N, C-alpha and C. Protein backbone atom coordinates (compact mmCIF):
# COMPACT_ATOMS: atom_id res chain seq x y z
N MET A 1 -4.40 200.02 285.86
CA MET A 1 -3.02 199.56 285.87
C MET A 1 -2.41 199.72 287.26
N ALA A 2 -2.74 200.83 287.94
CA ALA A 2 -2.19 201.06 289.28
C ALA A 2 -2.67 200.00 290.25
N ARG A 3 -3.95 199.61 290.14
CA ARG A 3 -4.46 198.57 291.03
C ARG A 3 -3.75 197.25 290.77
N ALA A 4 -3.49 196.93 289.51
CA ALA A 4 -2.79 195.70 289.18
C ALA A 4 -1.38 195.69 289.76
N LEU A 5 -0.68 196.83 289.68
CA LEU A 5 0.66 196.92 290.24
C LEU A 5 0.63 196.76 291.76
N ASN A 6 -0.37 197.37 292.41
CA ASN A 6 -0.49 197.23 293.86
C ASN A 6 -0.71 195.77 294.24
N LEU A 7 -1.56 195.07 293.46
CA LEU A 7 -1.82 193.66 293.75
C LEU A 7 -0.55 192.84 293.60
N VAL A 8 0.22 193.10 292.57
CA VAL A 8 1.48 192.38 292.36
C VAL A 8 2.43 192.62 293.52
N LEU A 9 2.53 193.87 294.00
CA LEU A 9 3.41 194.17 295.12
C LEU A 9 2.99 193.43 296.38
N VAL A 10 1.67 193.37 296.63
CA VAL A 10 1.17 192.65 297.80
C VAL A 10 1.52 191.17 297.71
N LEU A 11 1.33 190.59 296.53
CA LEU A 11 1.61 189.17 296.36
C LEU A 11 3.11 188.88 296.47
N MET A 12 3.94 189.79 295.96
CA MET A 12 5.39 189.60 296.09
C MET A 12 5.81 189.65 297.55
N THR A 13 5.20 190.56 298.31
CA THR A 13 5.49 190.62 299.74
C THR A 13 5.11 189.32 300.42
N GLY A 14 3.93 188.79 300.05
CA GLY A 14 3.50 187.52 300.61
C GLY A 14 4.43 186.39 300.26
N ALA A 15 4.94 186.40 299.01
CA ALA A 15 5.86 185.35 298.60
C ALA A 15 7.16 185.40 299.39
N VAL A 16 7.64 186.61 299.68
CA VAL A 16 8.85 186.75 300.50
C VAL A 16 8.63 186.16 301.88
N LEU A 17 7.48 186.48 302.50
CA LEU A 17 7.16 185.90 303.81
C LEU A 17 7.06 184.39 303.73
N LEU A 18 6.47 183.94 302.61
CA LEU A 18 6.24 182.51 302.42
C LEU A 18 7.53 181.72 302.39
N LEU A 19 8.54 182.27 301.73
CA LEU A 19 9.79 181.55 301.54
C LEU A 19 10.83 181.88 302.61
N THR A 20 10.46 182.73 303.58
CA THR A 20 11.36 183.07 304.67
C THR A 20 11.39 181.94 305.69
N PRO A 21 12.53 181.62 306.26
CA PRO A 21 12.58 180.59 307.29
C PRO A 21 11.62 180.90 308.42
N GLY A 22 11.16 179.83 309.07
CA GLY A 22 10.09 179.95 310.06
C GLY A 22 10.34 180.96 311.15
N ASP A 23 11.55 181.00 311.74
CA ASP A 23 11.80 181.91 312.86
C ASP A 23 11.67 183.36 312.44
N ALA A 24 12.17 183.71 311.26
CA ALA A 24 12.09 185.09 310.79
C ALA A 24 10.67 185.46 310.46
N ALA A 25 9.93 184.55 309.81
CA ALA A 25 8.55 184.85 309.45
C ALA A 25 7.69 185.00 310.68
N ALA A 26 8.00 184.23 311.73
CA ALA A 26 7.19 184.30 312.95
C ALA A 26 7.27 185.68 313.57
N GLN A 27 8.38 186.41 313.37
CA GLN A 27 8.50 187.75 313.92
C GLN A 27 7.69 188.76 313.13
N SER A 28 7.25 188.41 311.89
CA SER A 28 6.56 189.35 311.02
C SER A 28 5.06 189.26 311.14
N VAL A 29 4.51 188.16 311.68
CA VAL A 29 3.07 187.97 311.76
C VAL A 29 2.69 187.56 313.16
N PRO A 30 1.43 187.79 313.56
CA PRO A 30 0.99 187.40 314.89
C PRO A 30 1.07 185.90 315.08
N GLY A 31 1.34 185.46 316.33
CA GLY A 31 1.43 184.04 316.62
C GLY A 31 0.08 183.43 316.87
N LEU A 32 -0.66 183.11 315.80
CA LEU A 32 -1.97 182.51 315.92
C LEU A 32 -1.97 181.02 315.66
N GLY A 33 -0.90 180.50 315.06
CA GLY A 33 -0.84 179.08 314.76
C GLY A 33 -0.63 178.26 316.01
N SER A 34 -0.77 176.93 315.85
CA SER A 34 -0.65 176.04 317.00
C SER A 34 0.74 176.06 317.60
N ASP A 35 1.75 176.40 316.79
CA ASP A 35 3.14 176.46 317.28
C ASP A 35 3.64 177.89 317.41
N GLY A 36 2.72 178.85 317.52
CA GLY A 36 3.12 180.23 317.66
C GLY A 36 3.48 180.90 316.37
N GLU A 37 3.13 180.30 315.22
CA GLU A 37 3.41 180.87 313.91
C GLU A 37 2.16 180.88 313.05
N VAL A 38 2.20 181.68 312.01
CA VAL A 38 1.13 181.71 311.02
C VAL A 38 1.74 181.36 309.67
N GLY A 39 1.13 180.42 308.95
CA GLY A 39 1.60 180.06 307.63
C GLY A 39 0.99 180.98 306.59
N ALA A 40 1.32 180.71 305.32
CA ALA A 40 0.81 181.55 304.24
C ALA A 40 0.67 180.72 302.97
N VAL A 41 -0.25 181.14 302.12
CA VAL A 41 -0.46 180.52 300.81
C VAL A 41 -0.57 181.63 299.77
N VAL A 42 0.28 181.60 298.76
CA VAL A 42 0.18 182.51 297.62
C VAL A 42 -0.19 181.65 296.42
N SER A 43 -1.25 182.04 295.69
CA SER A 43 -1.77 181.19 294.63
C SER A 43 -1.84 181.94 293.30
N LEU A 44 -1.58 181.18 292.23
CA LEU A 44 -1.74 181.65 290.86
C LEU A 44 -2.67 180.65 290.18
N ARG A 45 -3.85 181.13 289.74
CA ARG A 45 -4.89 180.21 289.28
C ARG A 45 -5.43 180.60 287.91
N PRO A 46 -4.86 180.10 286.82
CA PRO A 46 -5.52 180.24 285.53
C PRO A 46 -6.89 179.57 285.61
N THR A 47 -7.92 180.28 285.17
CA THR A 47 -9.30 179.87 285.40
C THR A 47 -10.12 179.99 284.13
N GLY A 48 -11.05 179.08 283.95
CA GLY A 48 -12.04 179.18 282.89
C GLY A 48 -13.41 179.34 283.50
N SER A 49 -14.22 180.24 282.95
CA SER A 49 -15.53 180.51 283.52
C SER A 49 -16.57 180.68 282.42
N GLN A 50 -17.80 180.32 282.73
CA GLN A 50 -18.90 180.55 281.80
C GLN A 50 -19.50 181.92 282.05
N VAL A 51 -19.52 182.75 281.01
CA VAL A 51 -20.09 184.09 281.08
C VAL A 51 -20.92 184.31 279.82
N VAL A 52 -22.20 184.66 279.97
CA VAL A 52 -23.12 184.85 278.84
C VAL A 52 -23.07 183.62 277.92
N ASP A 53 -23.09 182.42 278.53
CA ASP A 53 -23.06 181.16 277.79
C ASP A 53 -21.84 181.02 276.90
N GLN A 54 -20.76 181.70 277.24
CA GLN A 54 -19.51 181.60 276.50
C GLN A 54 -18.37 181.32 277.48
N PHE A 55 -17.24 180.86 276.93
CA PHE A 55 -16.07 180.59 277.74
C PHE A 55 -15.23 181.86 277.87
N MET A 56 -14.90 182.23 279.11
CA MET A 56 -14.03 183.38 279.36
C MET A 56 -12.81 182.91 280.15
N PRO A 57 -11.61 182.99 279.57
CA PRO A 57 -10.41 182.69 280.36
C PRO A 57 -10.13 183.81 281.35
N MET A 58 -9.76 183.43 282.57
CA MET A 58 -9.50 184.40 283.62
C MET A 58 -8.20 184.03 284.32
N LEU A 59 -7.64 185.00 285.01
CA LEU A 59 -6.46 184.76 285.83
C LEU A 59 -6.78 185.13 287.27
N GLY A 60 -6.54 184.19 288.18
CA GLY A 60 -6.78 184.44 289.59
C GLY A 60 -5.48 184.56 290.36
N LEU A 61 -5.41 185.54 291.25
CA LEU A 61 -4.27 185.74 292.13
C LEU A 61 -4.78 185.84 293.56
N GLY A 62 -4.10 185.20 294.49
CA GLY A 62 -4.58 185.26 295.86
C GLY A 62 -3.46 185.10 296.87
N MET A 63 -3.75 185.53 298.09
CA MET A 63 -2.83 185.35 299.21
C MET A 63 -3.66 185.14 300.47
N ALA A 64 -3.32 184.12 301.24
CA ALA A 64 -4.07 183.81 302.45
C ALA A 64 -3.12 183.45 303.58
N LEU A 65 -3.57 183.68 304.80
CA LEU A 65 -2.85 183.25 306.00
C LEU A 65 -3.38 181.89 306.43
N ARG A 66 -2.48 180.99 306.78
CA ARG A 66 -2.87 179.69 307.33
C ARG A 66 -2.91 179.84 308.85
N LEU A 67 -4.09 180.10 309.37
CA LEU A 67 -4.24 180.32 310.80
C LEU A 67 -4.13 179.03 311.60
N SER A 68 -4.40 177.90 310.94
CA SER A 68 -4.27 176.59 311.56
C SER A 68 -4.10 175.58 310.43
N PRO A 69 -3.81 174.31 310.73
CA PRO A 69 -3.71 173.30 309.67
C PRO A 69 -5.01 173.12 308.89
N SER A 70 -6.14 173.60 309.44
CA SER A 70 -7.42 173.43 308.76
C SER A 70 -7.95 174.70 308.11
N LEU A 71 -7.56 175.88 308.62
CA LEU A 71 -8.23 177.12 308.25
C LEU A 71 -7.28 178.10 307.57
N GLU A 72 -7.73 178.66 306.43
CA GLU A 72 -7.00 179.71 305.71
C GLU A 72 -7.95 180.88 305.44
N VAL A 73 -7.46 182.10 305.65
CA VAL A 73 -8.25 183.30 305.41
C VAL A 73 -7.38 184.30 304.66
N GLY A 74 -7.94 184.90 303.61
CA GLY A 74 -7.16 185.87 302.84
C GLY A 74 -7.99 186.56 301.79
N GLY A 75 -7.34 186.95 300.71
CA GLY A 75 -8.02 187.64 299.62
C GLY A 75 -7.66 187.02 298.29
N GLU A 76 -8.60 187.12 297.34
CA GLU A 76 -8.38 186.55 296.02
C GLU A 76 -9.13 187.37 294.98
N GLY A 77 -8.55 187.52 293.80
CA GLY A 77 -9.19 188.27 292.74
C GLY A 77 -9.04 187.56 291.40
N PHE A 78 -10.04 187.77 290.51
CA PHE A 78 -10.04 187.15 289.18
C PHE A 78 -10.30 188.23 288.14
N LEU A 79 -9.54 188.18 287.06
CA LEU A 79 -9.67 189.15 285.98
C LEU A 79 -9.82 188.42 284.66
N GLY A 80 -10.87 188.79 283.89
CA GLY A 80 -11.07 188.20 282.58
C GLY A 80 -9.94 188.58 281.64
N LEU A 81 -9.38 187.59 280.93
CA LEU A 81 -8.25 187.84 280.03
C LEU A 81 -8.71 188.27 278.64
N ARG A 82 -9.98 188.14 278.34
CA ARG A 82 -10.52 188.65 277.09
C ARG A 82 -11.98 189.01 277.30
N ARG A 83 -12.53 189.82 276.40
CA ARG A 83 -13.95 190.18 276.43
C ARG A 83 -14.75 189.16 275.63
N VAL A 84 -16.03 189.00 276.00
CA VAL A 84 -16.91 188.11 275.25
C VAL A 84 -17.94 188.96 274.50
N ASN A 85 -18.30 188.50 273.32
CA ASN A 85 -19.24 189.22 272.48
C ASN A 85 -20.66 189.08 273.04
N VAL A 86 -21.37 190.19 273.21
CA VAL A 86 -22.74 190.16 273.73
C VAL A 86 -23.72 190.79 272.74
N SER A 87 -23.32 191.01 271.50
CA SER A 87 -24.21 191.59 270.49
C SER A 87 -25.15 190.52 269.95
N PRO A 88 -26.42 190.87 269.70
CA PRO A 88 -27.32 189.93 269.03
C PRO A 88 -26.77 189.54 267.67
N ARG A 89 -27.04 188.32 267.25
CA ARG A 89 -26.53 187.85 265.97
C ARG A 89 -27.07 188.72 264.83
N GLY A 90 -26.20 189.19 263.99
CA GLY A 90 -26.58 190.01 262.86
C GLY A 90 -26.70 191.49 263.17
N ALA A 91 -26.49 191.88 264.42
CA ALA A 91 -26.62 193.29 264.78
C ALA A 91 -25.43 194.09 264.26
N ALA A 92 -25.70 195.35 263.89
CA ALA A 92 -24.62 196.22 263.41
C ALA A 92 -23.67 196.60 264.55
N GLU A 93 -24.23 196.80 265.74
CA GLU A 93 -23.41 197.14 266.90
C GLU A 93 -22.63 195.91 267.36
N GLN A 94 -21.36 196.09 267.67
CA GLN A 94 -20.51 195.02 268.19
C GLN A 94 -20.12 195.37 269.62
N SER A 95 -20.80 194.72 270.58
CA SER A 95 -20.58 195.02 271.99
C SER A 95 -19.86 193.86 272.66
N GLU A 96 -19.00 194.19 273.62
CA GLU A 96 -18.21 193.19 274.33
C GLU A 96 -18.32 193.40 275.83
N LEU A 97 -18.28 192.29 276.57
CA LEU A 97 -18.37 192.33 278.03
C LEU A 97 -17.03 191.98 278.65
N ALA A 98 -16.56 192.81 279.59
CA ALA A 98 -15.38 192.54 280.40
C ALA A 98 -15.82 192.31 281.83
N LEU A 99 -15.14 191.40 282.53
CA LEU A 99 -15.56 191.02 283.88
C LEU A 99 -14.35 190.85 284.79
N GLY A 100 -14.49 191.31 286.02
CA GLY A 100 -13.49 191.09 287.05
C GLY A 100 -14.15 191.10 288.41
N TYR A 101 -13.61 190.32 289.36
CA TYR A 101 -14.18 190.30 290.71
C TYR A 101 -13.15 189.78 291.70
N GLY A 102 -13.43 189.99 292.98
CA GLY A 102 -12.54 189.52 294.03
C GLY A 102 -13.12 189.81 295.39
N GLY A 103 -12.42 189.34 296.42
CA GLY A 103 -12.90 189.58 297.78
C GLY A 103 -12.19 188.72 298.80
N LEU A 104 -12.84 188.52 299.92
CA LEU A 104 -12.32 187.72 301.03
C LEU A 104 -12.54 186.25 300.73
N ILE A 105 -11.50 185.44 300.93
CA ILE A 105 -11.61 184.00 300.71
C ILE A 105 -11.39 183.26 302.02
N LEU A 106 -12.25 182.30 302.29
CA LEU A 106 -12.15 181.44 303.47
C LEU A 106 -12.09 180.01 302.99
N ARG A 107 -11.05 179.26 303.40
CA ARG A 107 -10.93 177.86 303.00
C ARG A 107 -10.76 176.99 304.23
N TYR A 108 -11.40 175.83 304.19
CA TYR A 108 -11.36 174.91 305.32
C TYR A 108 -11.24 173.48 304.80
N GLY A 109 -10.43 172.68 305.47
CA GLY A 109 -10.28 171.29 305.08
C GLY A 109 -9.83 170.43 306.24
N PRO A 110 -9.70 169.11 306.00
CA PRO A 110 -9.22 168.22 307.06
C PRO A 110 -7.87 168.68 307.58
N GLU A 111 -7.66 168.53 308.86
CA GLU A 111 -6.42 169.01 309.48
C GLU A 111 -5.23 168.21 308.97
N ARG A 112 -4.26 168.94 308.39
CA ARG A 112 -3.04 168.32 307.89
C ARG A 112 -1.85 169.20 308.29
N GLU A 113 -0.71 168.56 308.47
CA GLU A 113 0.49 169.32 308.79
C GLU A 113 0.92 170.19 307.62
N SER A 114 0.69 169.73 306.40
CA SER A 114 1.09 170.47 305.21
C SER A 114 -0.13 171.05 304.49
N GLY A 115 0.00 172.31 304.03
CA GLY A 115 -1.05 172.92 303.24
C GLY A 115 -0.93 172.62 301.77
N LEU A 116 0.03 171.75 301.40
CA LEU A 116 0.25 171.43 299.99
C LEU A 116 -0.63 170.30 299.50
N ASP A 117 -1.22 169.51 300.40
CA ASP A 117 -1.96 168.32 300.00
C ASP A 117 -3.36 168.32 300.58
N GLY A 118 -4.26 167.62 299.89
CA GLY A 118 -5.59 167.38 300.43
C GLY A 118 -6.68 168.26 299.84
N TRP A 119 -7.91 168.00 300.31
CA TRP A 119 -9.09 168.72 299.85
C TRP A 119 -9.31 169.98 300.67
N ARG A 120 -9.85 171.02 300.03
CA ARG A 120 -10.22 172.26 300.70
C ARG A 120 -11.55 172.75 300.12
N ALA A 121 -12.48 173.09 301.00
CA ALA A 121 -13.72 173.77 300.60
C ALA A 121 -13.52 175.25 300.84
N GLY A 122 -13.99 176.08 299.91
CA GLY A 122 -13.78 177.52 300.03
C GLY A 122 -15.04 178.32 299.78
N LEU A 123 -15.01 179.56 300.24
CA LEU A 123 -16.09 180.51 299.97
C LEU A 123 -15.47 181.89 299.78
N LEU A 124 -15.70 182.47 298.59
CA LEU A 124 -15.27 183.83 298.29
C LEU A 124 -16.46 184.76 298.46
N VAL A 125 -16.29 185.82 299.24
CA VAL A 125 -17.32 186.83 299.45
C VAL A 125 -16.73 188.17 299.05
N GLY A 126 -17.31 188.82 298.04
CA GLY A 126 -16.71 190.07 297.59
C GLY A 126 -17.59 190.82 296.62
N ALA A 127 -16.96 191.45 295.66
CA ALA A 127 -17.68 192.29 294.69
C ALA A 127 -16.98 192.21 293.35
N GLY A 128 -17.70 192.63 292.31
CA GLY A 128 -17.14 192.60 290.97
C GLY A 128 -17.66 193.74 290.11
N THR A 129 -17.10 193.85 288.93
CA THR A 129 -17.49 194.89 287.97
C THR A 129 -17.63 194.27 286.59
N ALA A 130 -18.73 194.59 285.93
CA ALA A 130 -18.96 194.17 284.55
C ALA A 130 -19.04 195.44 283.69
N ARG A 131 -18.36 195.42 282.55
CA ARG A 131 -18.34 196.57 281.64
C ARG A 131 -18.71 196.12 280.23
N VAL A 132 -19.62 196.84 279.62
CA VAL A 132 -19.97 196.59 278.22
C VAL A 132 -19.41 197.73 277.38
N ARG A 133 -18.68 197.35 276.35
CA ARG A 133 -17.99 198.33 275.51
C ARG A 133 -18.35 198.11 274.04
N SER A 134 -18.52 199.20 273.32
CA SER A 134 -18.76 199.14 271.89
C SER A 134 -17.43 199.05 271.15
N ARG A 135 -17.28 197.99 270.38
CA ARG A 135 -16.05 197.83 269.61
C ARG A 135 -15.99 198.83 268.45
N LEU A 136 -17.15 199.10 267.84
CA LEU A 136 -17.18 200.01 266.70
C LEU A 136 -16.91 201.45 267.12
N ALA A 137 -17.58 201.88 268.20
CA ALA A 137 -17.41 203.26 268.66
C ALA A 137 -16.20 203.43 269.56
N ASN A 138 -15.60 202.30 270.00
CA ASN A 138 -14.47 202.35 270.93
C ASN A 138 -14.83 203.18 272.16
N ALA A 139 -16.00 202.87 272.74
CA ALA A 139 -16.49 203.63 273.90
C ALA A 139 -17.23 202.69 274.83
N GLU A 140 -17.19 203.02 276.12
CA GLU A 140 -17.90 202.24 277.12
C GLU A 140 -19.39 202.57 277.07
N LEU A 141 -20.24 201.55 276.99
CA LEU A 141 -21.68 201.75 276.93
C LEU A 141 -22.32 201.77 278.30
N ASP A 142 -21.85 200.90 279.19
CA ASP A 142 -22.44 200.84 280.53
C ASP A 142 -21.52 200.03 281.45
N VAL A 143 -21.69 200.24 282.75
CA VAL A 143 -20.89 199.52 283.74
C VAL A 143 -21.77 199.24 284.96
N ASP A 144 -21.52 198.11 285.62
CA ASP A 144 -22.31 197.75 286.79
C ASP A 144 -21.42 197.07 287.82
N ASN A 145 -21.63 197.42 289.08
CA ASN A 145 -20.95 196.77 290.20
C ASN A 145 -21.93 195.86 290.93
N PHE A 146 -21.45 194.77 291.48
CA PHE A 146 -22.34 193.79 292.10
C PHE A 146 -21.58 193.03 293.19
N PHE A 147 -22.33 192.32 294.02
CA PHE A 147 -21.74 191.47 295.06
C PHE A 147 -21.58 190.05 294.51
N VAL A 148 -20.59 189.34 295.05
CA VAL A 148 -20.27 187.99 294.58
C VAL A 148 -20.18 187.02 295.75
N LEU A 149 -20.78 185.85 295.59
CA LEU A 149 -20.58 184.71 296.47
C LEU A 149 -20.15 183.54 295.59
N GLU A 150 -19.01 182.94 295.90
CA GLU A 150 -18.53 181.83 295.08
C GLU A 150 -18.03 180.69 295.97
N PRO A 151 -18.86 179.67 296.21
CA PRO A 151 -18.38 178.47 296.89
C PRO A 151 -17.53 177.65 295.94
N SER A 152 -16.57 176.92 296.48
CA SER A 152 -15.67 176.13 295.63
C SER A 152 -15.14 174.92 296.39
N LEU A 153 -14.61 173.99 295.62
CA LEU A 153 -13.95 172.81 296.18
C LEU A 153 -12.70 172.55 295.36
N GLU A 154 -11.57 172.26 296.03
CA GLU A 154 -10.33 172.06 295.32
C GLU A 154 -9.52 170.93 295.94
N TYR A 155 -8.60 170.38 295.12
CA TYR A 155 -7.69 169.35 295.60
C TYR A 155 -6.26 169.81 295.34
N ARG A 156 -5.39 169.63 296.34
CA ARG A 156 -4.00 170.06 296.25
C ARG A 156 -3.05 168.87 296.29
N ARG A 157 -1.96 169.02 295.56
CA ARG A 157 -0.93 167.99 295.54
C ARG A 157 0.44 168.65 295.55
N GLY A 158 1.29 168.29 296.50
CA GLY A 158 2.61 168.88 296.60
C GLY A 158 3.56 168.38 295.52
N LEU A 159 4.40 169.30 295.03
CA LEU A 159 5.43 168.96 294.05
C LEU A 159 6.81 168.93 294.68
N ARG A 160 7.08 169.91 295.55
CA ARG A 160 8.35 170.01 296.26
C ARG A 160 8.10 170.73 297.56
N SER A 161 9.14 171.18 298.24
CA SER A 161 9.02 171.67 299.61
C SER A 161 7.95 172.74 299.80
N ASN A 162 7.91 173.76 298.95
CA ASN A 162 6.96 174.86 299.13
C ASN A 162 6.00 175.02 297.95
N LEU A 163 6.07 174.14 296.96
CA LEU A 163 5.32 174.31 295.73
C LEU A 163 4.38 173.14 295.49
N GLY A 164 3.16 173.45 295.08
CA GLY A 164 2.20 172.41 294.77
C GLY A 164 1.24 172.84 293.68
N VAL A 165 0.55 171.86 293.10
CA VAL A 165 -0.48 172.15 292.10
C VAL A 165 -1.85 172.08 292.78
N VAL A 166 -2.80 172.78 292.20
CA VAL A 166 -4.17 172.79 292.74
C VAL A 166 -5.15 172.75 291.58
N ALA A 167 -6.22 171.97 291.73
CA ALA A 167 -7.28 171.91 290.73
C ALA A 167 -8.61 171.99 291.47
N GLY A 168 -9.54 172.75 290.92
CA GLY A 168 -10.80 172.91 291.62
C GLY A 168 -11.90 173.45 290.74
N ALA A 169 -13.09 173.55 291.35
CA ALA A 169 -14.26 174.05 290.65
C ALA A 169 -15.11 174.85 291.62
N GLY A 170 -15.88 175.79 291.08
CA GLY A 170 -16.77 176.60 291.91
C GLY A 170 -17.95 177.10 291.09
N TYR A 171 -18.78 177.88 291.74
CA TYR A 171 -19.91 178.49 291.04
C TYR A 171 -20.07 179.93 291.51
N ARG A 172 -19.97 180.86 290.58
CA ARG A 172 -20.07 182.30 290.89
C ARG A 172 -21.53 182.72 290.89
N THR A 173 -21.99 183.20 292.05
CA THR A 173 -23.34 183.75 292.19
C THR A 173 -23.23 185.25 292.41
N THR A 174 -24.05 186.03 291.73
CA THR A 174 -24.01 187.48 291.85
C THR A 174 -25.27 187.99 292.51
N LEU A 175 -25.12 189.05 293.29
CA LEU A 175 -26.25 189.69 293.98
C LEU A 175 -26.22 191.18 293.66
N GLY A 176 -27.38 191.74 293.37
CA GLY A 176 -27.47 193.17 293.12
C GLY A 176 -26.99 193.60 291.76
N ALA A 177 -26.88 192.66 290.81
CA ALA A 177 -26.43 193.01 289.47
C ALA A 177 -27.60 193.55 288.65
N ASP A 178 -27.37 194.61 287.91
CA ASP A 178 -28.37 195.20 287.03
C ASP A 178 -28.11 194.79 285.59
N PRO A 179 -29.17 194.73 284.77
CA PRO A 179 -28.97 194.41 283.35
C PRO A 179 -28.10 195.46 282.65
N LEU A 180 -27.31 194.99 281.71
CA LEU A 180 -26.47 195.85 280.87
C LEU A 180 -26.88 195.62 279.41
N PRO A 181 -26.48 196.48 278.49
CA PRO A 181 -26.83 196.28 277.08
C PRO A 181 -26.41 194.90 276.58
N GLY A 182 -27.37 194.06 276.26
CA GLY A 182 -27.09 192.72 275.77
C GLY A 182 -26.76 191.71 276.85
N VAL A 183 -26.85 192.10 278.13
CA VAL A 183 -26.45 191.23 279.23
C VAL A 183 -27.50 191.28 280.33
N ASP A 184 -28.09 190.14 280.68
CA ASP A 184 -28.98 190.04 281.83
C ASP A 184 -28.16 189.80 283.09
N SER A 185 -28.76 190.07 284.24
CA SER A 185 -28.04 189.89 285.50
C SER A 185 -27.62 188.44 285.70
N GLU A 186 -28.41 187.48 285.18
CA GLU A 186 -28.06 186.06 285.33
C GLU A 186 -26.89 185.65 284.44
N ASP A 187 -26.59 186.45 283.41
CA ASP A 187 -25.55 186.07 282.45
C ASP A 187 -24.15 186.09 283.04
N ILE A 188 -23.94 186.83 284.13
CA ILE A 188 -22.60 186.90 284.69
C ILE A 188 -22.41 185.89 285.84
N ARG A 189 -23.45 185.09 286.09
CA ARG A 189 -23.29 183.95 286.98
C ARG A 189 -22.78 182.77 286.17
N GLY A 190 -22.14 181.82 286.85
CA GLY A 190 -21.70 180.64 286.12
C GLY A 190 -20.64 179.84 286.83
N PRO A 191 -20.39 178.62 286.33
CA PRO A 191 -19.37 177.75 286.92
C PRO A 191 -17.97 178.22 286.57
N THR A 192 -17.01 177.84 287.40
CA THR A 192 -15.60 178.14 287.17
C THR A 192 -14.77 176.88 287.39
N LEU A 193 -13.71 176.74 286.62
CA LEU A 193 -12.74 175.66 286.77
C LEU A 193 -11.35 176.27 286.82
N HIS A 194 -10.50 175.79 287.72
CA HIS A 194 -9.14 176.33 287.77
C HIS A 194 -8.11 175.23 287.96
N LEU A 195 -6.92 175.48 287.44
CA LEU A 195 -5.77 174.61 287.59
C LEU A 195 -4.56 175.52 287.73
N GLY A 196 -3.89 175.46 288.87
CA GLY A 196 -2.83 176.42 289.10
C GLY A 196 -1.77 175.94 290.06
N LEU A 197 -1.06 176.92 290.63
CA LEU A 197 0.07 176.65 291.53
C LEU A 197 -0.17 177.31 292.88
N ASN A 198 0.27 176.65 293.93
CA ASN A 198 0.27 177.19 295.28
C ASN A 198 1.69 177.25 295.81
N PHE A 199 2.05 178.36 296.45
CA PHE A 199 3.30 178.48 297.19
C PHE A 199 2.93 178.55 298.66
N VAL A 200 3.36 177.58 299.43
CA VAL A 200 2.86 177.41 300.79
C VAL A 200 4.00 177.44 301.80
N ARG A 201 3.80 178.19 302.89
CA ARG A 201 4.65 178.07 304.08
C ARG A 201 3.76 177.63 305.21
N ASP A 202 4.02 176.46 305.75
CA ASP A 202 3.19 175.92 306.83
C ASP A 202 3.52 176.55 308.16
N PRO A 203 2.52 176.60 309.06
CA PRO A 203 2.80 177.15 310.40
C PRO A 203 3.85 176.32 311.13
């Protein structure tokens, strides 16, 4: 819970910078943009992902700096909104898998004055945690940490001055994952689809 609150505070801070007029925001961040400013993107991404051949709804939150009209660098995290059943059919034990991951995100696209429109290719490099829990015993059975690489492609469309919608797809690849009860290391890999909102302040 404490980590979630910290993430919310970071994103709220980013949103304040995002909606601050350009001159004031320029005093808060290094002048790396082409006009001596750095832009920002705060994103909220409801996401669907395949996990253990099942659908897992997830919520993604992210914040990135727009270092140029083409390049964005920041952080992004995804948390599963429900657990998926990993018990063999007919088994007495009822086990569930929870998943979360996040890391550094790099996005690049055709140079545009606005970060609200156009295509962006991205790559998330980070780590995640998978937990298997017994529903009957109400106890954690095992936990594993792993590295994540997730390439993605998305399209953005502006709605108003600082707000836009985004839709995209990616594929989560895991490295260094160990098997868990009822879960192979390949089971936590899979495609992702997202449809969400971007709050953008351009450089």
